[in-house]
Amino acid sequence: MRWEGREQSTNVEDRRGMAMAAGGLVAGGGVGTIVLMIIMMFLGGNPQQLLEQVGEQQEQFSRAKMTPENDPDASLMEFVKVVMKDNEDVWAKLFRDELGTRYREPKLVVFKGEVNSACGQATAQVGPFYCPGDSNVYLDFDFFRELRTRFHAPGDFAMAYVIAHEVGHHVQNQLGLSSKVQAMQNRAGKVESNELSVRLELQADYLAGVWAHHAQASKQILEAGDVASAMTAANQIGDDKLTQGRVRKENFTHGTSQQRVKWYSAGLASGDVKGMMKLFELDFDKL
């Protein structure tokens, strides 16, 4: 994928260093620290000890922050910023020209190990995810390493597909599709609820393909092998591959490998953003 030297998004937040200070007093500094000092005085404690502890944790938090000079993943950070910028440009134009509204850009939060979001606390084990409560995409770089080693899906464009899929969930959220599906799931049984979840995930795959179609048309981002690497990623993270046949199809929530490749390919080929609604019009067996 051609990405080096191109414009980067400013909507990427690096929280990788925050885990080192988690649970401490740094997050409650300022007025919170003053209140704690007053309480300690009433209880006969030494406020100086609290100030020293806060100072140590602030120093620790400062050391934890990554800089390009000490960050082993500096190149990866640049990459995700470029991919996010490409997503911002494509979706801003499609929302304006095709959907007649303004696109609100999401933020991508890079974390390490675990992170707090408006959807609750999550660990890296859940993989990349989108939280509609704060309109943020969350990503631990270790997933990209797993994509290459565990899932055997190397390549820049495989990583770009993952990011574009999560941004696809943001598109669904902004268009009100996510809330509509959730309302339908609340009234449905387990099997039907899972089917709706599959449709939503496949729609995000389709939207990731739509992004790639328009990014290629406007910026010529693709190199030889890029599409194949994205297809490999989509294939490797299907429910059937991840569960190795141990879970019945009616319990799938993201779609089979074949379905994920099919709908990513459909979006990539057509670039038709309005075609995403087909996923809610077809019989489930035809997905």
C-alpha atoms as a PDB file:
ATOM      1  CA  MET A   1       0.000   0.000   0.000  1.00  0.00           C
ATOM      2  CA  ARG A   2       1.331   3.440  -0.913  1.00  0.00           C
ATOM      3  CA  TRP A   3       1.163   5.428   2.298  1.00  0.00           C
ATOM      4  CA  GLU A   4       4.594   6.850   3.128  1.00  0.00           C
ATOM      5  CA  GLY A   5       4.870  10.625   3.077  1.00  0.00           C
ATOM      6  CA  ARG A   6       1.148  11.268   2.733  1.00  0.00           C
ATOM      7  CA  GLU A   7      -1.100  13.453   4.883  1.00  0.00           C
ATOM      8  CA  GLN A   8      -1.947  12.130   8.346  1.00  0.00           C
ATOM      9  CA  SER A   9      -5.088  12.402  10.444  1.00  0.00           C
ATOM     10  CA  THR A  10      -5.101  14.507  13.602  1.00  0.00           C
ATOM     11  CA  ASN A  11      -7.867  12.315  15.048  1.00  0.00           C
ATOM     12  CA  VAL A  12      -5.543   9.652  16.464  1.00  0.00           C
ATOM     13  CA  GLU A  13      -4.968   9.528  20.223  1.00  0.00           C
ATOM     14  CA  ASP A  14      -2.079   7.582  21.729  1.00  0.00           C
ATOM     15  CA  ARG A  15      -2.988   6.036  25.089  1.00  0.00           C
ATOM     16  CA  ARG A  16      -0.348   3.324  25.121  1.00  0.00           C
ATOM     17  CA  GLY A  17       1.523   4.899  28.048  1.00  0.00           C
ATOM     18  CA  MET A  18      -1.526   5.400  30.247  1.00  0.00           C
ATOM     19  CA  ALA A  19      -1.655   1.787  31.382  1.00  0.00           C
ATOM     20  CA  MET A  20       1.537   2.298  33.408  1.00  0.00           C
ATOM     21  CA  ALA A  21      -0.182   4.864  35.586  1.00  0.00           C
ATOM     22  CA  ALA A  22      -3.577   3.173  35.722  1.00  0.00           C
ATOM     23  CA  GLY A  23      -5.181   3.043  39.138  1.00  0.00           C
ATOM     24  CA  GLY A  24      -3.001   5.839  40.499  1.00  0.00           C
ATOM     25  CA  LEU A  25      -3.609   9.431  41.507  1.00  0.00           C
ATOM     26  CA  VAL A  26      -2.415  11.083  38.320  1.00  0.00           C
ATOM     27  CA  ALA A  27      -5.850  10.874  36.703  1.00  0.00           C
ATOM     28  CA  GLY A  28      -7.371  12.664  39.666  1.00  0.00           C
ATOM     29  CA  GLY A  29      -4.810  15.447  39.878  1.00  0.00           C
ATOM     30  CA  GLY A  30      -5.650  19.123  40.289  1.00  0.00           C
ATOM     31  CA  VAL A  31      -8.736  19.688  42.451  1.00  0.00           C
ATOM     32  CA  GLY A  32      -8.915  15.984  43.280  1.00  0.00           C
ATOM     33  CA  THR A  33      -5.454  16.055  44.786  1.00  0.00           C
ATOM     34  CA  ILE A  34      -6.284  19.152  46.879  1.00  0.00           C
ATOM     35  CA  VAL A  35      -9.398  17.449  48.263  1.00  0.00           C
ATOM     36  CA  LEU A  36      -7.355  14.390  49.201  1.00  0.00           C
ATOM     37  CA  MET A  37      -4.787  16.618  50.963  1.00  0.00           C
ATOM     38  CA  ILE A  38      -7.512  18.251  53.070  1.00  0.00           C
ATOM     39  CA  ILE A  39      -8.932  14.854  54.035  1.00  0.00           C
ATOM     40  CA  MET A  40      -5.481  13.643  55.025  1.00  0.00           C
ATOM     41  CA  MET A  41      -4.946  16.719  57.229  1.00  0.00           C
ATOM     42  CA  PHE A  42      -8.214  16.078  59.072  1.00  0.00           C
ATOM     43  CA  LEU A  43      -7.204  12.466  59.581  1.00  0.00           C
ATOM     44  CA  GLY A  44      -3.802  13.453  60.921  1.00  0.00           C
ATOM     45  CA  GLY A  45      -1.859  12.341  57.854  1.00  0.00           C
ATOM     46  CA  ASN A  46       1.060  14.068  56.178  1.00  0.00           C
ATOM     47  CA  PRO A  47      -0.020  15.882  52.974  1.00  0.00           C
ATOM     48  CA  GLN A  48       3.615  16.019  51.879  1.00  0.00           C
ATOM     49  CA  GLN A  49       3.580  12.258  51.373  1.00  0.00           C
ATOM     50  CA  LEU A  50       0.615  12.604  49.011  1.00  0.00           C
ATOM     51  CA  LEU A  51       2.382  15.330  47.014  1.00  0.00           C
ATOM     52  CA  GLU A  52       5.472  13.147  46.712  1.00  0.00           C
ATOM     53  CA  GLN A  53       3.366  10.206  45.521  1.00  0.00           C
ATOM     54  CA  VAL A  54       1.568  12.337  42.944  1.00  0.00           C
ATOM     55  CA  GLY A  55       4.884  13.719  41.753  1.00  0.00           C
ATOM     56  CA  GLU A  56       6.320  10.229  41.329  1.00  0.00           C
ATOM     57  CA  GLN A  57       3.259   9.056  39.385  1.00  0.00           C
ATOM     58  CA  GLN A  58       3.283  12.139  37.172  1.00  0.00           C
ATOM     59  CA  GLU A  59       6.928  11.490  36.401  1.00  0.00           C
ATOM     60  CA  GLN A  60       6.084   7.857  35.651  1.00  0.00           C
ATOM     61  CA  PHE A  61       3.223   8.910  33.381  1.00  0.00           C
ATOM     62  CA  SER A  62       5.495  11.366  31.581  1.00  0.00           C
ATOM     63  CA  ARG A  63       8.091   8.639  31.019  1.00  0.00           C
ATOM     64  CA  ALA A  64       5.355   6.331  29.730  1.00  0.00           C
ATOM     65  CA  LYS A  65       4.386   8.651  26.884  1.00  0.00           C
ATOM     66  CA  MET A  66       5.776   7.558  23.555  1.00  0.00           C
ATOM     67  CA  THR A  67       7.811   9.829  21.323  1.00  0.00           C
ATOM     68  CA  PRO A  68       8.914   9.084  17.757  1.00  0.00           C
ATOM     69  CA  GLU A  69      12.441   8.674  19.054  1.00  0.00           C
ATOM     70  CA  ASN A  70      11.670   5.962  21.637  1.00  0.00           C
ATOM     71  CA  ASP A  71       8.642   4.342  20.006  1.00  0.00           C
ATOM     72  CA  PRO A  72       9.344   0.982  18.338  1.00  0.00           C
ATOM     73  CA  ASP A  73       5.980   1.314  16.559  1.00  0.00           C
ATOM     74  CA  ALA A  74       6.508   4.859  15.285  1.00  0.00           C
ATOM     75  CA  SER A  75       6.157   3.748  11.668  1.00  0.00           C
ATOM     76  CA  LEU A  76       2.955   1.861  12.504  1.00  0.00           C
ATOM     77  CA  MET A  77       1.550   4.971  14.169  1.00  0.00           C
ATOM     78  CA  GLU A  78       2.273   6.999  11.049  1.00  0.00           C
ATOM     79  CA  PHE A  79       0.575   4.312   8.976  1.00  0.00           C
ATOM     80  CA  VAL A  80      -2.688   4.322  10.954  1.00  0.00           C
ATOM     81  CA  LYS A  81      -2.780   8.128  10.822  1.00  0.00           C
ATOM     82  CA  VAL A  82      -2.496   8.025   7.030  1.00  0.00           C
ATOM     83  CA  VAL A  83      -5.216   5.343   6.771  1.00  0.00           C
ATOM     84  CA  MET A  84      -7.496   7.348   9.044  1.00  0.00           C
ATOM     85  CA  LYS A  85      -6.942  10.443   6.905  1.00  0.00           C
ATOM     86  CA  ASP A  86      -7.831   8.459   3.793  1.00  0.00           C
ATOM     87  CA  ASN A  87     -11.025   7.284   5.499  1.00  0.00           C
ATOM     88  CA  GLU A  88     -11.878  10.839   6.540  1.00  0.00           C
ATOM     89  CA  ASP A  89     -11.445  12.150   2.998  1.00  0.00           C
ATOM     90  CA  VAL A  90     -13.451   9.373   1.334  1.00  0.00           C
ATOM     91  CA  TRP A  91     -16.352   9.399   3.780  1.00  0.00           C
ATOM     92  CA  ALA A  92     -16.588  13.195   3.897  1.00  0.00           C
ATOM     93  CA  LYS A  93     -17.052  13.217   0.121  1.00  0.00           C
ATOM     94  CA  LEU A  94     -19.490  10.288   0.056  1.00  0.00           C
ATOM     95  CA  PHE A  95     -21.625  11.727   2.849  1.00  0.00           C
ATOM     96  CA  ARG A  96     -21.757  15.067   1.067  1.00  0.00           C
ATOM     97  CA  ASP A  97     -22.266  13.857  -2.501  1.00  0.00           C
ATOM     98  CA  GLU A  98     -24.187  10.587  -2.037  1.00  0.00           C
ATOM     99  CA  LEU A  99     -25.957  10.872   1.304  1.00  0.00           C
ATOM    100  CA  GLY A 100     -26.557  14.616   1.472  1.00  0.00           C
ATOM    101  CA  THR A 101     -25.212  15.153   4.966  1.00  0.00           C
ATOM    102  CA  ARG A 102     -22.008  15.998   6.810  1.00  0.00           C
ATOM    103  CA  TYR A 103     -19.600  13.330   7.969  1.00  0.00           C
ATOM    104  CA  ARG A 104     -18.492  13.545  11.592  1.00  0.00           C
ATOM    105  CA  GLU A 105     -14.982  12.164  11.912  1.00  0.00           C
ATOM    106  CA  PRO A 106     -14.357   9.479  14.532  1.00  0.00           C
ATOM    107  CA  LYS A 107     -11.240   9.275  16.649  1.00  0.00           C
ATOM    108  CA  LEU A 108      -8.885   6.302  16.637  1.00  0.00           C
ATOM    109  CA  VAL A 109      -7.482   5.488  20.084  1.00  0.00           C
ATOM    110  CA  VAL A 110      -4.317   3.406  20.178  1.00  0.00           C
ATOM    111  CA  PHE A 111      -3.880   1.561  23.483  1.00  0.00           C
ATOM    112  CA  LYS A 112      -1.765  -1.136  25.049  1.00  0.00           C
ATOM    113  CA  GLY A 113      -3.231  -4.035  26.996  1.00  0.00           C
ATOM    114  CA  GLU A 114      -6.481  -2.468  28.192  1.00  0.00           C
ATOM    115  CA  VAL A 115      -8.479   0.700  27.760  1.00  0.00           C
ATOM    116  CA  ASN A 116     -11.499   2.508  29.171  1.00  0.00           C
ATOM    117  CA  SER A 117     -14.197   3.596  26.735  1.00  0.00           C
ATOM    118  CA  ALA A 118     -17.786   4.792  26.909  1.00  0.00           C
ATOM    119  CA  CYS A 119     -18.680   1.142  26.258  1.00  0.00           C
ATOM    120  CA  GLY A 120     -16.760   0.022  29.354  1.00  0.00           C
ATOM    121  CA  GLN A 121     -13.302  -1.350  29.979  1.00  0.00           C
ATOM    122  CA  ALA A 122     -11.834  -3.645  27.337  1.00  0.00           C
ATOM    123  CA  THR A 123      -8.639  -5.621  26.942  1.00  0.00           C
ATOM    124  CA  ALA A 124      -6.603  -6.244  23.826  1.00  0.00           C
ATOM    125  CA  GLN A 125      -8.109  -9.746  23.698  1.00  0.00           C
ATOM    126  CA  VAL A 126     -11.362  -8.378  22.247  1.00  0.00           C
ATOM    127  CA  GLY A 127      -9.446  -7.109  19.216  1.00  0.00           C
ATOM    128  CA  PRO A 128     -10.109  -3.778  17.488  1.00  0.00           C
ATOM    129  CA  PHE A 129     -13.551  -2.381  18.252  1.00  0.00           C
ATOM    130  CA  TYR A 130     -15.780   0.635  17.734  1.00  0.00           C
ATOM    131  CA  CYS A 131     -17.676   2.238  20.596  1.00  0.00           C
ATOM    132  CA  PRO A 132     -20.803   4.157  19.503  1.00  0.00           C
ATOM    133  CA  GLY A 133     -20.994   5.827  22.911  1.00  0.00           C
ATOM    134  CA  ASP A 134     -17.938   7.984  22.255  1.00  0.00           C
ATOM    135  CA  SER A 135     -17.559   7.482  18.473  1.00  0.00           C
ATOM    136  CA  ASN A 136     -14.053   6.099  18.929  1.00  0.00           C
ATOM    137  CA  VAL A 137     -12.259   3.253  17.214  1.00  0.00           C
ATOM    138  CA  TYR A 138      -9.987   1.363  19.631  1.00  0.00           C
ATOM    139  CA  LEU A 139      -6.895  -0.512  18.492  1.00  0.00           C
ATOM    140  CA  ASP A 140      -4.000  -2.316  20.150  1.00  0.00           C
ATOM    141  CA  PHE A 141      -1.041  -2.694  17.784  1.00  0.00           C
ATOM    142  CA  ASP A 142      -0.543  -6.243  19.047  1.00  0.00           C
ATOM    143  CA  PHE A 143      -3.560  -7.223  16.956  1.00  0.00           C
ATOM    144  CA  PHE A 144      -1.659  -6.276  13.815  1.00  0.00           C
ATOM    145  CA  ARG A 145       1.147  -8.567  14.900  1.00  0.00           C
ATOM    146  CA  GLU A 146      -1.405 -11.332  15.468  1.00  0.00           C
ATOM    147  CA  LEU A 147      -2.871 -10.637  12.060  1.00  0.00           C
ATOM    148  CA  ARG A 148       0.524 -11.417  10.568  1.00  0.00           C
ATOM    149  CA  THR A 149       1.540 -14.367  12.759  1.00  0.00           C
ATOM    150  CA  ARG A 150      -1.604 -16.087  14.075  1.00  0.00           C
ATOM    151  CA  PHE A 151      -3.922 -15.314  11.168  1.00  0.00           C
ATOM    152  CA  HIS A 152      -1.270 -15.448   8.427  1.00  0.00           C
ATOM    153  CA  ALA A 153      -2.544 -12.216   6.872  1.00  0.00           C
ATOM    154  CA  PRO A 154       0.496  -9.969   6.441  1.00  0.00           C
ATOM    155  CA  GLY A 155       0.618  -6.704   4.528  1.00  0.00           C
ATOM    156  CA  ASP A 156      -0.246  -3.064   4.995  1.00  0.00           C
ATOM    157  CA  PHE A 157      -3.576  -3.368   3.249  1.00  0.00           C
ATOM    158  CA  ALA A 158      -4.712  -6.165   5.557  1.00  0.00           C
ATOM    159  CA  MET A 159      -4.233  -3.710   8.435  1.00  0.00           C
ATOM    160  CA  ALA A 160      -5.977  -0.973   6.461  1.00  0.00           C
ATOM    161  CA  TYR A 161      -8.957  -3.313   5.979  1.00  0.00           C
ATOM    162  CA  VAL A 162      -9.233  -3.801   9.752  1.00  0.00           C
ATOM    163  CA  ILE A 163      -9.256  -0.053  10.381  1.00  0.00           C
ATOM    164  CA  ALA A 164     -11.726   0.595   7.548  1.00  0.00           C
ATOM    165  CA  HIS A 165     -14.064  -2.095   8.934  1.00  0.00           C
ATOM    166  CA  GLU A 166     -14.195  -0.336  12.314  1.00  0.00           C
ATOM    167  CA  VAL A 167     -14.721   3.030  10.624  1.00  0.00           C
ATOM    168  CA  GLY A 168     -17.556   1.289   8.764  1.00  0.00           C
ATOM    169  CA  HIS A 169     -19.216   0.777  12.138  1.00  0.00           C
ATOM    170  CA  HIS A 170     -18.903   4.523  12.717  1.00  0.00           C
ATOM    171  CA  VAL A 171     -20.645   5.147   9.398  1.00  0.00           C
ATOM    172  CA  GLN A 172     -23.452   2.816  10.493  1.00  0.00           C
ATOM    173  CA  ASN A 173     -23.695   4.627  13.811  1.00  0.00           C
ATOM    174  CA  GLN A 174     -23.863   8.071  12.246  1.00  0.00           C
ATOM    175  CA  LEU A 175     -26.560   6.958   9.817  1.00  0.00           C
ATOM    176  CA  GLY A 176     -28.630   5.543  12.665  1.00  0.00           C
ATOM    177  CA  LEU A 177     -28.349   1.962  11.430  1.00  0.00           C
ATOM    178  CA  SER A 178     -26.660   0.644  14.562  1.00  0.00           C
ATOM    179  CA  SER A 179     -29.410   1.897  16.879  1.00  0.00           C
ATOM    180  CA  LYS A 180     -32.118   0.505  14.587  1.00  0.00           C
ATOM    181  CA  VAL A 181     -30.491  -2.925  14.582  1.00  0.00           C
ATOM    182  CA  GLN A 182     -30.056  -2.828  18.342  1.00  0.00           C
ATOM    183  CA  ALA A 183     -33.745  -2.015  18.774  1.00  0.00           C
ATOM    184  CA  MET A 184     -34.623  -4.962  16.524  1.00  0.00           C
ATOM    185  CA  GLN A 185     -32.302  -7.221  18.508  1.00  0.00           C
ATOM    186  CA  ASN A 186     -33.983  -6.206  21.757  1.00  0.00           C
ATOM    187  CA  ARG A 187     -37.265  -7.563  20.395  1.00  0.00           C
ATOM    188  CA  ALA A 188     -35.765 -10.678  18.809  1.00  0.00           C
ATOM    189  CA  GLY A 189     -34.768 -14.106  20.031  1.00  0.00           C
ATOM    190  CA  LYS A 190     -31.159 -15.220  20.226  1.00  0.00           C
ATOM    191  CA  VAL A 191     -30.925 -16.735  16.744  1.00  0.00           C
ATOM    192  CA  GLU A 192     -32.522 -13.745  15.015  1.00  0.00           C
ATOM    193  CA  SER A 193     -30.422 -11.362  17.115  1.00  0.00           C
ATOM    194  CA  ASN A 194     -27.261 -13.142  15.988  1.00  0.00           C
ATOM    195  CA  GLU A 195     -28.385 -12.953  12.371  1.00  0.00           C
ATOM    196  CA  LEU A 196     -28.832  -9.203  12.709  1.00  0.00           C
ATOM    197  CA  SER A 197     -25.361  -8.945  14.226  1.00  0.00           C
ATOM    198  CA  VAL A 198     -23.949 -10.852  11.248  1.00  0.00           C
ATOM    199  CA  ARG A 199     -25.677  -8.476   8.831  1.00  0.00           C
ATOM    200  CA  LEU A 200     -24.228  -5.475  10.659  1.00  0.00           C
ATOM    201  CA  GLU A 201     -20.712  -6.926  10.564  1.00  0.00           C
ATOM    202  CA  LEU A 202     -20.950  -7.875   6.899  1.00  0.00           C
ATOM    203  CA  GLN A 203     -22.230  -4.393   6.161  1.00  0.00           C
ATOM    204  CA  ALA A 204     -19.119  -2.967   7.844  1.00  0.00           C
ATOM    205  CA  ASP A 205     -17.027  -5.247   5.602  1.00  0.00           C
ATOM    206  CA  TYR A 206     -18.917  -3.936   2.589  1.00  0.00           C
ATOM    207  CA  LEU A 207     -18.274  -0.358   3.709  1.00  0.00           C
ATOM    208  CA  ALA A 208     -14.576  -1.141   4.141  1.00  0.00           C
ATOM    209  CA  GLY A 209     -14.617  -2.247   0.509  1.00  0.00           C
ATOM    210  CA  VAL A 210     -16.429   0.936  -0.522  1.00  0.00           C
ATOM    211  CA  TRP A 211     -13.705   2.954   1.181  1.00  0.00           C
ATOM    212  CA  ALA A 212     -10.953   1.033  -0.621  1.00  0.00           C
ATOM    213  CA  HIS A 213     -12.711   1.538  -3.981  1.00  0.00           C
ATOM    214  CA  HIS A 214     -12.852   5.313  -3.596  1.00  0.00           C
ATOM    215  CA  ALA A 215      -9.444   5.653  -1.941  1.00  0.00           C
ATOM    216  CA  GLN A 216      -7.908   3.866  -4.928  1.00  0.00           C
ATOM    217  CA  ALA A 217      -9.840   6.036  -7.381  1.00  0.00           C
ATOM    218  CA  SER A 218      -8.775   9.286  -5.741  1.00  0.00           C
ATOM    219  CA  LYS A 219      -5.299   8.502  -4.393  1.00  0.00           C
ATOM    220  CA  GLN A 220      -4.050   5.372  -6.180  1.00  0.00           C
ATOM    221  CA  ILE A 221      -3.144   3.688  -2.905  1.00  0.00           C
ATOM    222  CA  LEU A 222      -2.985   0.068  -4.090  1.00  0.00           C
ATOM    223  CA  GLU A 223       0.094  -1.923  -4.969  1.00  0.00           C
ATOM    224  CA  ALA A 224       0.429  -5.486  -6.243  1.00  0.00           C
ATOM    225  CA  GLY A 225      -0.878  -7.995  -3.706  1.00  0.00           C
ATOM    226  CA  ASP A 226      -2.760  -5.462  -1.587  1.00  0.00           C
ATOM    227  CA  VAL A 227      -6.261  -6.686  -2.406  1.00  0.00           C
ATOM    228  CA  ALA A 228      -5.194 -10.283  -1.843  1.00  0.00           C
ATOM    229  CA  SER A 229      -3.839  -9.423   1.618  1.00  0.00           C
ATOM    230  CA  ALA A 230      -7.126  -7.761   2.596  1.00  0.00           C
ATOM    231  CA  MET A 231      -9.082 -10.766   1.291  1.00  0.00           C
ATOM    232  CA  THR A 232      -6.864 -13.067   3.319  1.00  0.00           C
ATOM    233  CA  ALA A 233      -7.552 -11.035   6.454  1.00  0.00           C
ATOM    234  CA  ALA A 234     -11.317 -11.118   5.843  1.00  0.00           C
ATOM    235  CA  ASN A 235     -11.146 -14.857   5.256  1.00  0.00           C
ATOM    236  CA  GLN A 236      -9.090 -15.597   8.349  1.00  0.00           C
ATOM    237  CA  ILE A 237     -11.361 -13.794  10.819  1.00  0.00           C
ATOM    238  CA  GLY A 238     -14.637 -15.412   9.810  1.00  0.00           C
ATOM    239  CA  ASP A 239     -16.610 -17.066  12.606  1.00  0.00           C
ATOM    240  CA  ASP A 240     -16.118 -20.508  11.125  1.00  0.00           C
ATOM    241  CA  LYS A 241     -12.326 -20.108  11.002  1.00  0.00           C
ATOM    242  CA  LEU A 242     -12.057 -18.585  14.471  1.00  0.00           C
ATOM    243  CA  THR A 243     -14.197 -21.264  16.112  1.00  0.00           C
ATOM    244  CA  GLN A 244     -12.829 -24.126  13.951  1.00  0.00           C
ATOM    245  CA  GLY A 245     -16.307 -25.589  13.610  1.00  0.00           C
ATOM    246  CA  ARG A 246     -16.926 -25.792  17.356  1.00  0.00           C
ATOM    247  CA  VAL A 247     -19.799 -23.291  17.230  1.00  0.00           C
ATOM    248  CA  ARG A 248     -22.977 -23.810  15.237  1.00  0.00           C
ATOM    249  CA  LYS A 249     -23.779 -21.366  12.443  1.00  0.00           C
ATOM    250  CA  GLU A 250     -26.836 -19.951  14.223  1.00  0.00           C
ATOM    251  CA  ASN A 251     -24.501 -18.741  16.984  1.00  0.00           C
ATOM    252  CA  PHE A 252     -22.211 -16.829  14.622  1.00  0.00           C
ATOM    253  CA  THR A 253     -22.128 -13.064  15.174  1.00  0.00           C
ATOM    254  CA  HIS A 254     -19.695 -11.792  12.511  1.00  0.00           C
ATOM    255  CA  GLY A 255     -20.249 -14.036   9.495  1.00  0.00           C
ATOM    256  CA  THR A 256     -18.390 -16.866   7.862  1.00  0.00           C
ATOM    257  CA  SER A 257     -15.115 -16.408   6.012  1.00  0.00           C
ATOM    258  CA  GLN A 258     -16.936 -16.812   2.707  1.00  0.00           C
ATOM    259  CA  GLN A 259     -19.506 -14.160   3.633  1.00  0.00           C
ATOM    260  CA  ARG A 260     -16.900 -11.672   4.814  1.00  0.00           C
ATOM    261  CA  VAL A 261     -14.838 -12.010   1.651  1.00  0.00           C
ATOM    262  CA  LYS A 262     -17.975 -11.829  -0.515  1.00  0.00           C
ATOM    263  CA  TRP A 263     -19.259  -8.579   0.926  1.00  0.00           C
ATOM    264  CA  TYR A 264     -15.896  -6.864   1.210  1.00  0.00           C
ATOM    265  CA  SER A 265     -15.361  -7.769  -2.450  1.00  0.00           C
ATOM    266  CA  ALA A 266     -18.808  -6.398  -3.365  1.00  0.00           C
ATOM    267  CA  GLY A 267     -18.057  -3.030  -1.785  1.00  0.00           C
ATOM    268  CA  LEU A 268     -14.611  -2.906  -3.340  1.00  0.00           C
ATOM    269  CA  ALA A 269     -15.956  -3.666  -6.814  1.00  0.00           C
ATOM    270  CA  SER A 270     -18.925  -1.297  -6.804  1.00  0.00           C
ATOM    271  CA  GLY A 271     -18.047   1.580  -4.493  1.00  0.00           C
ATOM    272  CA  ASP A 272     -21.816   1.979  -4.088  1.00  0.00           C
ATOM    273  CA  VAL A 273     -22.422   3.243  -0.558  1.00  0.00           C
ATOM    274  CA  LYS A 274     -26.190   2.875  -0.865  1.00  0.00           C
ATOM    275  CA  GLY A 275     -25.793  -0.767  -1.856  1.00  0.00           C
ATOM    276  CA  MET A 276     -24.994  -1.584   1.766  1.00  0.00           C
ATOM    277  CA  MET A 277     -28.727  -1.857   2.496  1.00  0.00           C
ATOM    278  CA  LYS A 278     -28.909  -5.046   0.397  1.00  0.00           C
ATOM    279  CA  LEU A 279     -27.648  -6.931   3.431  1.00  0.00           C
ATOM    280  CA  PHE A 280     -30.914  -6.236   5.224  1.00  0.00           C
ATOM    281  CA  GLU A 281     -33.061  -7.130   2.233  1.00  0.00           C
ATOM    282  CA  LEU A 282     -31.716 -10.586   1.363  1.00  0.00           C
ATOM    283  CA  ASP A 283     -32.768 -13.901   2.872  1.00  0.00           C
ATOM    284  CA  PHE A 284     -30.159 -14.926   5.416  1.00  0.00           C
ATOM    285  CA  ASP A 285     -29.201 -18.015   3.402  1.00  0.00           C
ATOM    286  CA  LYS A 286     -28.312 -15.753   0.452  1.00  0.00           C
ATOM    287  CA  LEU A 287     -25.892 -13.529   2.355  1.00  0.00           C
END
